[in-house]
N, C-alpha and C. Protein backbone atom coordinates (compact mmCIF):
# COMPACT_ATOMS: atom_id res chain seq x y z
N MET A 1 23.20 15.98 -55.50
CA MET A 1 23.82 15.64 -54.29
C MET A 1 22.85 14.79 -52.66
N PRO A 2 23.51 13.69 -52.51
CA PRO A 2 22.44 12.36 -51.66
C PRO A 2 22.23 13.35 -50.46
N LYS A 3 20.96 12.95 -49.57
CA LYS A 3 20.87 13.65 -48.95
C LYS A 3 21.35 13.51 -47.55
N CYS A 4 22.31 12.56 -47.41
CA CYS A 4 23.30 12.65 -46.21
C CYS A 4 24.31 13.08 -46.15
N ARG A 5 24.52 13.17 -47.19
CA ARG A 5 25.65 14.39 -47.59
C ARG A 5 24.77 15.74 -47.37
N PHE A 6 24.20 16.66 -47.74
CA PHE A 6 23.72 17.60 -47.66
C PHE A 6 23.20 17.57 -45.67
N LEU A 7 23.14 17.25 -45.49
CA LEU A 7 22.77 17.41 -44.42
C LEU A 7 23.70 17.28 -43.06
N THR A 8 24.94 16.59 -43.45
CA THR A 8 26.28 16.70 -43.34
C THR A 8 26.89 17.97 -43.57
N LEU A 9 26.88 18.84 -44.46
CA LEU A 9 27.46 20.10 -44.97
C LEU A 9 26.37 20.94 -43.99
N THR A 10 25.32 21.19 -44.46
CA THR A 10 24.09 21.64 -43.22
C THR A 10 24.44 22.20 -42.02
N SER A 11 24.75 21.09 -41.20
CA SER A 11 25.60 20.39 -39.87
C SER A 11 26.93 21.13 -39.68
N LEU A 12 27.45 21.01 -40.66
CA LEU A 12 28.93 21.74 -40.81
C LEU A 12 28.85 23.23 -40.57
N ALA A 13 27.74 24.05 -41.58
CA ALA A 13 28.32 24.88 -41.55
C ALA A 13 27.09 25.70 -40.59
N LEU A 14 26.14 25.18 -39.80
CA LEU A 14 25.28 25.46 -38.15
C LEU A 14 26.28 25.65 -37.60
N ALA A 15 27.29 24.57 -37.44
CA ALA A 15 28.56 24.20 -36.48
C ALA A 15 29.37 25.81 -36.64
N ALA A 16 29.90 26.21 -37.75
CA ALA A 16 30.80 27.05 -38.25
C ALA A 16 29.89 28.16 -37.57
N VAL A 17 28.61 28.73 -37.91
CA VAL A 17 28.09 29.97 -37.76
C VAL A 17 28.25 29.84 -35.91
N ALA A 18 28.00 28.79 -35.65
CA ALA A 18 27.40 28.87 -34.22
C ALA A 18 28.59 28.97 -33.19
N SER A 19 29.94 28.65 -33.82
CA SER A 19 31.32 28.93 -33.46
C SER A 19 31.61 30.43 -33.61
N LEU A 20 31.15 31.10 -34.55
CA LEU A 20 31.19 32.90 -35.28
C LEU A 20 30.69 33.60 -34.03
N CYS A 21 29.34 33.13 -33.50
CA CYS A 21 28.60 33.67 -32.57
C CYS A 21 29.18 34.55 -31.45
N GLY A 22 29.16 35.61 -31.26
CA GLY A 22 29.53 36.21 -29.80
C GLY A 22 28.49 35.76 -28.95
N CYS A 23 28.77 36.29 -27.77
CA CYS A 23 28.34 36.08 -26.28
C CYS A 23 29.17 37.44 -25.67
N VAL A 24 28.02 37.78 -24.42
CA VAL A 24 28.07 38.83 -23.28
C VAL A 24 28.33 37.99 -22.50
N GLU A 25 29.39 38.29 -21.98
CA GLU A 25 29.98 38.07 -20.69
C GLU A 25 30.02 39.09 -19.44
N ARG A 26 28.88 38.87 -18.06
CA ARG A 26 28.64 39.82 -17.43
C ARG A 26 29.20 39.48 -15.87
N ARG A 27 30.07 40.80 -15.68
CA ARG A 27 30.95 40.21 -14.02
C ARG A 27 30.45 41.37 -13.31
N LEU A 28 29.59 40.91 -11.91
CA LEU A 28 30.01 42.30 -10.98
C LEU A 28 31.01 41.68 -9.58
N THR A 29 31.65 42.95 -9.40
CA THR A 29 32.97 42.43 -8.29
C THR A 29 32.74 43.56 -7.26
N ILE A 30 32.37 42.98 -5.82
CA ILE A 30 31.87 43.56 -4.80
C ILE A 30 33.28 43.71 -3.85
N ASN A 31 33.76 44.96 -3.68
CA ASN A 31 34.27 44.64 -2.40
C ASN A 31 34.47 45.75 -1.50
N THR A 32 35.01 45.93 -0.51
CA THR A 32 34.65 46.79 0.82
C THR A 32 35.72 46.81 1.50
N ARG A 33 35.83 48.04 2.16
CA ARG A 33 37.12 48.26 2.88
C ARG A 33 36.31 48.56 4.18
N PRO A 34 37.46 47.75 4.90
CA PRO A 34 37.62 47.10 4.72
C PRO A 34 37.53 45.32 4.27
N GLN A 35 38.62 45.58 3.53
CA GLN A 35 37.94 43.63 2.74
C GLN A 35 37.98 42.48 3.64
N GLY A 36 37.20 41.55 2.89
CA GLY A 36 37.16 40.22 3.91
C GLY A 36 35.83 40.19 4.52
N ALA A 37 35.35 41.03 4.34
CA ALA A 37 33.26 40.67 4.65
C ALA A 37 32.98 40.26 3.94
N LEU A 38 31.99 39.22 4.72
CA LEU A 38 30.95 37.89 4.01
C LEU A 38 30.15 38.95 3.28
N VAL A 39 29.84 38.79 2.15
CA VAL A 39 29.08 39.65 1.00
C VAL A 39 27.43 38.55 0.53
N LEU A 40 26.68 38.76 0.64
CA LEU A 40 25.38 38.53 0.13
C LEU A 40 24.77 39.03 -0.63
N LEU A 41 24.32 38.90 -1.98
CA LEU A 41 23.43 39.92 -3.22
C LEU A 41 22.32 39.10 -3.19
N ASN A 42 21.64 39.55 -3.33
CA ASN A 42 20.22 38.93 -3.11
C ASN A 42 19.56 37.90 -2.38
N ASP A 43 19.90 38.28 -0.64
CA ASP A 43 20.47 37.06 0.02
C ASP A 43 20.80 35.96 0.07
N GLU A 44 21.65 35.69 -1.24
CA GLU A 44 22.56 34.81 -1.52
C GLU A 44 23.91 34.99 -1.31
N GLU A 45 24.86 34.12 -0.54
CA GLU A 45 25.68 34.46 0.02
C GLU A 45 26.76 34.00 -1.16
N ILE A 46 27.69 35.39 -1.54
CA ILE A 46 28.79 34.89 -2.91
C ILE A 46 30.03 34.65 -2.49
N GLY A 47 30.24 34.81 -0.87
CA GLY A 47 32.10 34.69 -0.48
C GLY A 47 32.54 36.10 0.25
N ARG A 48 33.08 36.43 0.29
CA ARG A 48 34.24 37.19 1.14
C ARG A 48 35.04 38.44 -0.44
N SER A 49 35.04 39.59 0.34
CA SER A 49 35.51 40.55 -0.24
C SER A 49 36.83 41.00 -0.37
N PRO A 50 37.22 40.87 -1.42
CA PRO A 50 36.59 40.90 -2.89
C PRO A 50 36.76 40.23 -3.93
N VAL A 51 34.72 40.11 -4.22
CA VAL A 51 34.32 38.52 -4.71
C VAL A 51 33.70 39.30 -6.39
N THR A 52 33.77 37.99 -7.41
CA THR A 52 33.20 38.71 -8.51
C THR A 52 32.88 37.61 -8.71
N VAL A 53 30.95 37.58 -9.34
CA VAL A 53 30.48 36.84 -9.91
C VAL A 53 29.74 36.97 -11.00
N THR A 54 29.33 36.39 -11.56
CA THR A 54 28.73 36.40 -13.12
C THR A 54 26.98 36.89 -12.53
N PHE A 55 26.64 37.87 -13.69
CA PHE A 55 25.05 37.98 -13.74
C PHE A 55 24.05 37.77 -14.83
N ASN A 56 22.85 37.59 -14.98
CA ASN A 56 22.15 37.42 -16.09
C ASN A 56 21.46 38.21 -16.19
N TRP A 57 21.46 39.41 -15.23
CA TRP A 57 20.21 40.14 -16.02
C TRP A 57 20.68 41.76 -15.30
N TYR A 58 19.80 42.59 -15.86
CA TYR A 58 20.19 43.99 -15.14
C TYR A 58 19.09 44.41 -13.80
N GLY A 59 19.58 45.51 -12.89
CA GLY A 59 18.01 46.00 -12.06
C GLY A 59 18.47 46.39 -10.67
N ASP A 60 18.16 46.03 -9.84
CA ASP A 60 17.97 45.89 -8.26
C ASP A 60 18.80 44.98 -8.16
N TYR A 61 19.66 45.48 -7.22
CA TYR A 61 20.13 43.90 -6.27
C TYR A 61 20.41 44.43 -4.73
N ALA A 62 19.95 43.50 -3.90
CA ALA A 62 20.25 43.69 -2.36
C ALA A 62 21.68 43.24 -2.13
N VAL A 63 22.71 44.30 -1.33
CA VAL A 63 23.46 43.74 -1.15
C VAL A 63 23.78 44.14 0.64
N ARG A 64 24.53 42.85 0.98
CA ARG A 64 24.51 42.83 2.56
C ARG A 64 25.99 42.57 2.76
N ALA A 65 27.30 43.25 3.78
CA ALA A 65 28.36 42.65 4.15
C ALA A 65 28.17 43.25 5.34
N THR A 66 29.12 41.71 5.91
CA THR A 66 29.26 41.93 7.23
C THR A 66 30.81 41.31 7.83
N ARG A 67 30.78 42.19 8.73
CA ARG A 67 32.79 41.38 9.27
C ARG A 67 32.63 41.81 10.57
N GLU A 68 33.35 41.26 11.28
CA GLU A 68 33.21 41.09 13.18
C GLU A 68 34.02 42.59 13.34
N GLY A 69 33.92 42.85 14.01
CA GLY A 69 34.30 44.82 14.37
C GLY A 69 33.79 46.04 13.19
N PHE A 70 32.80 45.14 12.29
CA PHE A 70 32.08 46.46 12.23
C PHE A 70 30.48 46.17 11.96
N GLN A 71 29.55 47.18 11.35
CA GLN A 71 28.35 47.49 11.20
C GLN A 71 28.13 46.60 10.08
N THR A 72 26.89 46.48 10.42
CA THR A 72 26.40 45.59 8.55
C THR A 72 26.14 46.56 8.45
N LEU A 73 26.08 46.40 6.77
CA LEU A 73 26.21 47.28 5.62
C LEU A 73 24.71 46.57 4.77
N ASN A 74 23.52 46.83 4.73
CA ASN A 74 22.50 46.32 4.32
C ASN A 74 22.10 47.53 3.19
N THR A 75 21.65 47.67 1.72
CA THR A 75 21.62 48.50 0.60
C THR A 75 21.44 47.90 -0.12
N HIS A 76 20.89 49.19 -1.23
CA HIS A 76 20.32 48.38 -2.96
C HIS A 76 21.75 49.10 -3.51
N ARG A 77 21.60 48.39 -4.74
CA ARG A 77 22.74 49.16 -6.34
C ARG A 77 21.50 48.38 -6.87
N GLU A 78 21.98 49.33 -8.35
CA GLU A 78 21.47 49.06 -9.42
C GLU A 78 22.18 49.21 -10.11
N LEU A 79 22.02 48.57 -11.55
CA LEU A 79 22.59 47.79 -12.27
C LEU A 79 22.01 47.78 -13.83
N LYS A 80 22.44 49.24 -14.56
CA LYS A 80 21.77 49.38 -15.77
C LYS A 80 22.54 48.87 -16.83
N ALA A 81 21.78 48.28 -17.80
CA ALA A 81 22.28 47.33 -18.70
C ALA A 81 22.77 48.95 -20.03
N PRO A 82 23.67 48.76 -20.46
CA PRO A 82 24.27 49.30 -21.42
C PRO A 82 23.65 49.34 -22.96
N TRP A 83 24.28 50.01 -23.31
CA TRP A 83 23.06 50.43 -25.00
C TRP A 83 22.97 49.65 -25.70
N TYR A 84 23.93 48.90 -25.64
CA TYR A 84 24.79 47.07 -26.57
C TYR A 84 23.77 46.29 -26.35
N ASP A 85 22.88 46.29 -25.07
CA ASP A 85 22.39 45.11 -23.96
C ASP A 85 21.11 45.36 -24.24
N GLN A 86 20.30 46.36 -24.75
CA GLN A 86 18.78 46.67 -24.63
C GLN A 86 19.09 46.51 -26.51
N PHE A 87 17.40 46.10 -26.98
CA PHE A 87 16.69 45.93 -27.68
C PHE A 87 16.51 47.48 -29.11
N PRO A 88 17.13 46.88 -29.93
CA PRO A 88 16.97 45.48 -30.66
C PRO A 88 18.49 45.51 -30.40
N PHE A 89 19.31 46.34 -30.45
CA PHE A 89 20.94 46.18 -30.21
C PHE A 89 21.46 44.79 -29.36
N ASP A 90 20.61 44.36 -28.73
CA ASP A 90 21.30 42.96 -27.80
C ASP A 90 20.92 41.91 -28.38
N PHE A 91 20.84 42.11 -29.91
CA PHE A 91 19.93 40.82 -31.05
C PHE A 91 21.97 40.56 -31.67
N PHE A 92 22.28 41.66 -31.88
CA PHE A 92 23.73 41.88 -32.75
C PHE A 92 25.01 41.70 -30.97
N ALA A 93 24.63 42.17 -30.53
CA ALA A 93 25.60 41.88 -29.48
C ALA A 93 26.05 40.50 -28.96
N GLN A 94 24.67 40.05 -28.95
CA GLN A 94 24.44 38.39 -27.94
C GLN A 94 24.79 37.33 -29.05
N ILE A 95 24.16 37.89 -30.49
CA ILE A 95 23.94 36.74 -31.46
C ILE A 95 25.12 36.52 -33.12
N VAL A 96 24.69 38.22 -33.00
CA VAL A 96 25.23 38.04 -34.75
C VAL A 96 27.16 38.51 -34.74
N SER A 97 27.05 39.07 -33.64
CA SER A 97 28.65 39.67 -33.74
C SER A 97 29.38 38.53 -32.95
N PRO A 98 30.68 38.08 -33.83
CA PRO A 98 31.54 37.34 -33.73
C PRO A 98 32.39 37.76 -32.45
N ALA A 99 32.40 38.71 -31.44
CA ALA A 99 33.14 39.29 -30.79
C ALA A 99 32.40 39.00 -29.40
N ARG A 100 33.42 38.37 -28.55
CA ARG A 100 33.13 38.20 -27.15
C ARG A 100 33.11 39.72 -26.27
N THR A 101 32.22 39.92 -26.06
CA THR A 101 31.85 41.48 -24.78
C THR A 101 31.65 40.57 -23.77
N VAL A 102 32.53 41.60 -23.05
CA VAL A 102 32.45 41.36 -21.25
C VAL A 102 32.77 42.46 -20.89
N ASP A 103 30.73 42.62 -19.73
CA ASP A 103 30.30 43.83 -19.24
C ASP A 103 30.80 43.63 -17.78
N SER A 104 31.85 44.45 -17.25
CA SER A 104 32.06 44.11 -15.97
C SER A 104 31.81 45.75 -15.20
N TYR A 105 31.74 45.45 -14.04
CA TYR A 105 31.06 46.29 -12.97
C TYR A 105 31.66 46.26 -11.70
N GLU A 106 32.26 47.13 -10.84
CA GLU A 106 32.96 46.72 -9.54
C GLU A 106 31.73 48.06 -8.69
N TRP A 107 31.65 47.42 -7.78
CA TRP A 107 30.88 48.19 -6.57
C TRP A 107 31.96 48.09 -5.28
N THR A 108 32.21 49.34 -4.81
CA THR A 108 33.25 49.30 -3.08
C THR A 108 32.13 50.09 -2.31
N PHE A 109 32.28 49.10 -1.49
CA PHE A 109 31.55 49.72 0.24
C PHE A 109 32.46 49.99 1.18
N ASP A 110 32.12 51.00 1.93
CA ASP A 110 32.87 51.35 2.93
C ASP A 110 32.33 50.79 4.46
N LEU A 111 32.68 50.19 4.81
CA LEU A 111 32.06 49.73 6.35
C LEU A 111 32.42 50.27 7.87
N GLU A 112 31.63 51.10 8.12
CA GLU A 112 32.01 52.00 9.59
C GLU A 112 32.04 50.73 10.36
N PRO A 113 33.00 51.31 11.04
CA PRO A 113 33.67 50.83 12.50
C PRO A 113 32.14 50.48 13.53
N LEU A 114 32.19 49.23 14.28
CA LEU A 114 31.05 49.01 15.45
C LEU A 114 31.90 50.19 17.05
N ARG A 115 30.33 50.73 16.45
CA ARG A 115 30.42 51.54 17.89
C ARG A 115 29.45 51.18 18.74
N PRO A 116 30.20 50.74 20.17
CA PRO A 116 28.97 50.62 21.33
C PRO A 116 27.88 51.43 21.42
N PRO A 117 26.82 51.00 21.68
CA PRO A 117 26.21 52.37 22.00
C PRO A 117 26.59 52.84 23.45
N THR A 118 26.12 54.72 23.77
CA THR A 118 26.03 55.09 24.87
C THR A 118 24.84 54.79 25.67
N ARG A 119 25.39 54.90 27.42
CA ARG A 119 24.16 54.77 28.44
C ARG A 119 23.28 55.34 27.97
N ALA A 120 23.55 56.48 27.32
CA ALA A 120 21.92 57.89 27.33
C ALA A 120 21.06 56.88 26.18
N GLU A 121 21.99 56.36 24.47
CA GLU A 121 20.97 55.57 24.25
C GLU A 121 20.80 54.72 24.27
N LEU A 122 21.48 53.86 25.06
CA LEU A 122 20.43 53.01 25.66
C LEU A 122 18.86 53.10 26.24
N ILE A 123 19.25 53.66 26.93
CA ILE A 123 18.30 54.00 27.78
C ILE A 123 17.29 54.75 26.95
N LYS A 124 17.03 55.70 26.23
CA LYS A 124 16.53 56.29 25.19
C LYS A 124 15.77 55.27 24.50
N LYS A 125 16.68 54.21 23.99
CA LYS A 125 15.54 53.22 23.56
C LYS A 125 14.96 52.21 23.98
N SER A 126 14.98 51.93 25.35
CA SER A 126 14.50 51.01 26.42
C SER A 126 13.40 51.85 26.97
N GLN A 127 13.38 52.82 26.70
CA GLN A 127 12.31 53.65 27.57
C GLN A 127 11.01 53.65 26.10
N LYS A 128 11.77 53.90 25.07
CA LYS A 128 11.13 53.62 23.45
C LYS A 128 10.30 51.94 23.92
N LEU A 129 11.31 51.38 23.59
CA LEU A 129 10.58 49.77 24.05
C LEU A 129 9.44 49.67 24.42
N LYS A 130 9.80 50.39 26.37
CA LYS A 130 8.73 50.63 27.43
C LYS A 130 7.53 50.62 26.83
N GLU A 131 7.18 51.95 26.24
CA GLU A 131 5.94 52.79 25.68
C GLU A 131 5.16 51.65 24.78
N GLN A 132 6.14 51.34 23.94
CA GLN A 132 5.42 50.48 23.08
C GLN A 132 4.67 48.75 23.58
N LEU A 133 5.23 48.49 24.43
CA LEU A 133 4.37 47.63 25.69
C LEU A 133 3.16 47.87 26.38
N GLU A 134 3.41 48.97 26.70
CA GLU A 134 2.50 49.54 27.15
C GLU A 134 0.59 50.25 26.45
């Protein structure tokens, strides 16, 4: 068999195998009640809720949601990897398996209405500040 033909067949075989390889698509949807809050994920603006983003790693995520007339929400949530995305199963899920896996998560946060401080709360806060300055 000529060398050129062997390389062509090898290239076709590799392309066929690569097209059969599976992949894992990871998606996170963040929703708020009420909807329409501006959402930041790890200090990066991702849009207004409900918003869906792709992600590459599992772990702790900082979430911030703001909407006019509501208190700003600052919190953390953890995304835990499913069993098939941990060693050694991840090799089969991402490389060997011909199936495409979609790993979807949804977080919903309730926003509290903005409540103006009472006169007593303002006085107490100002007294604490005064004590800190002295």
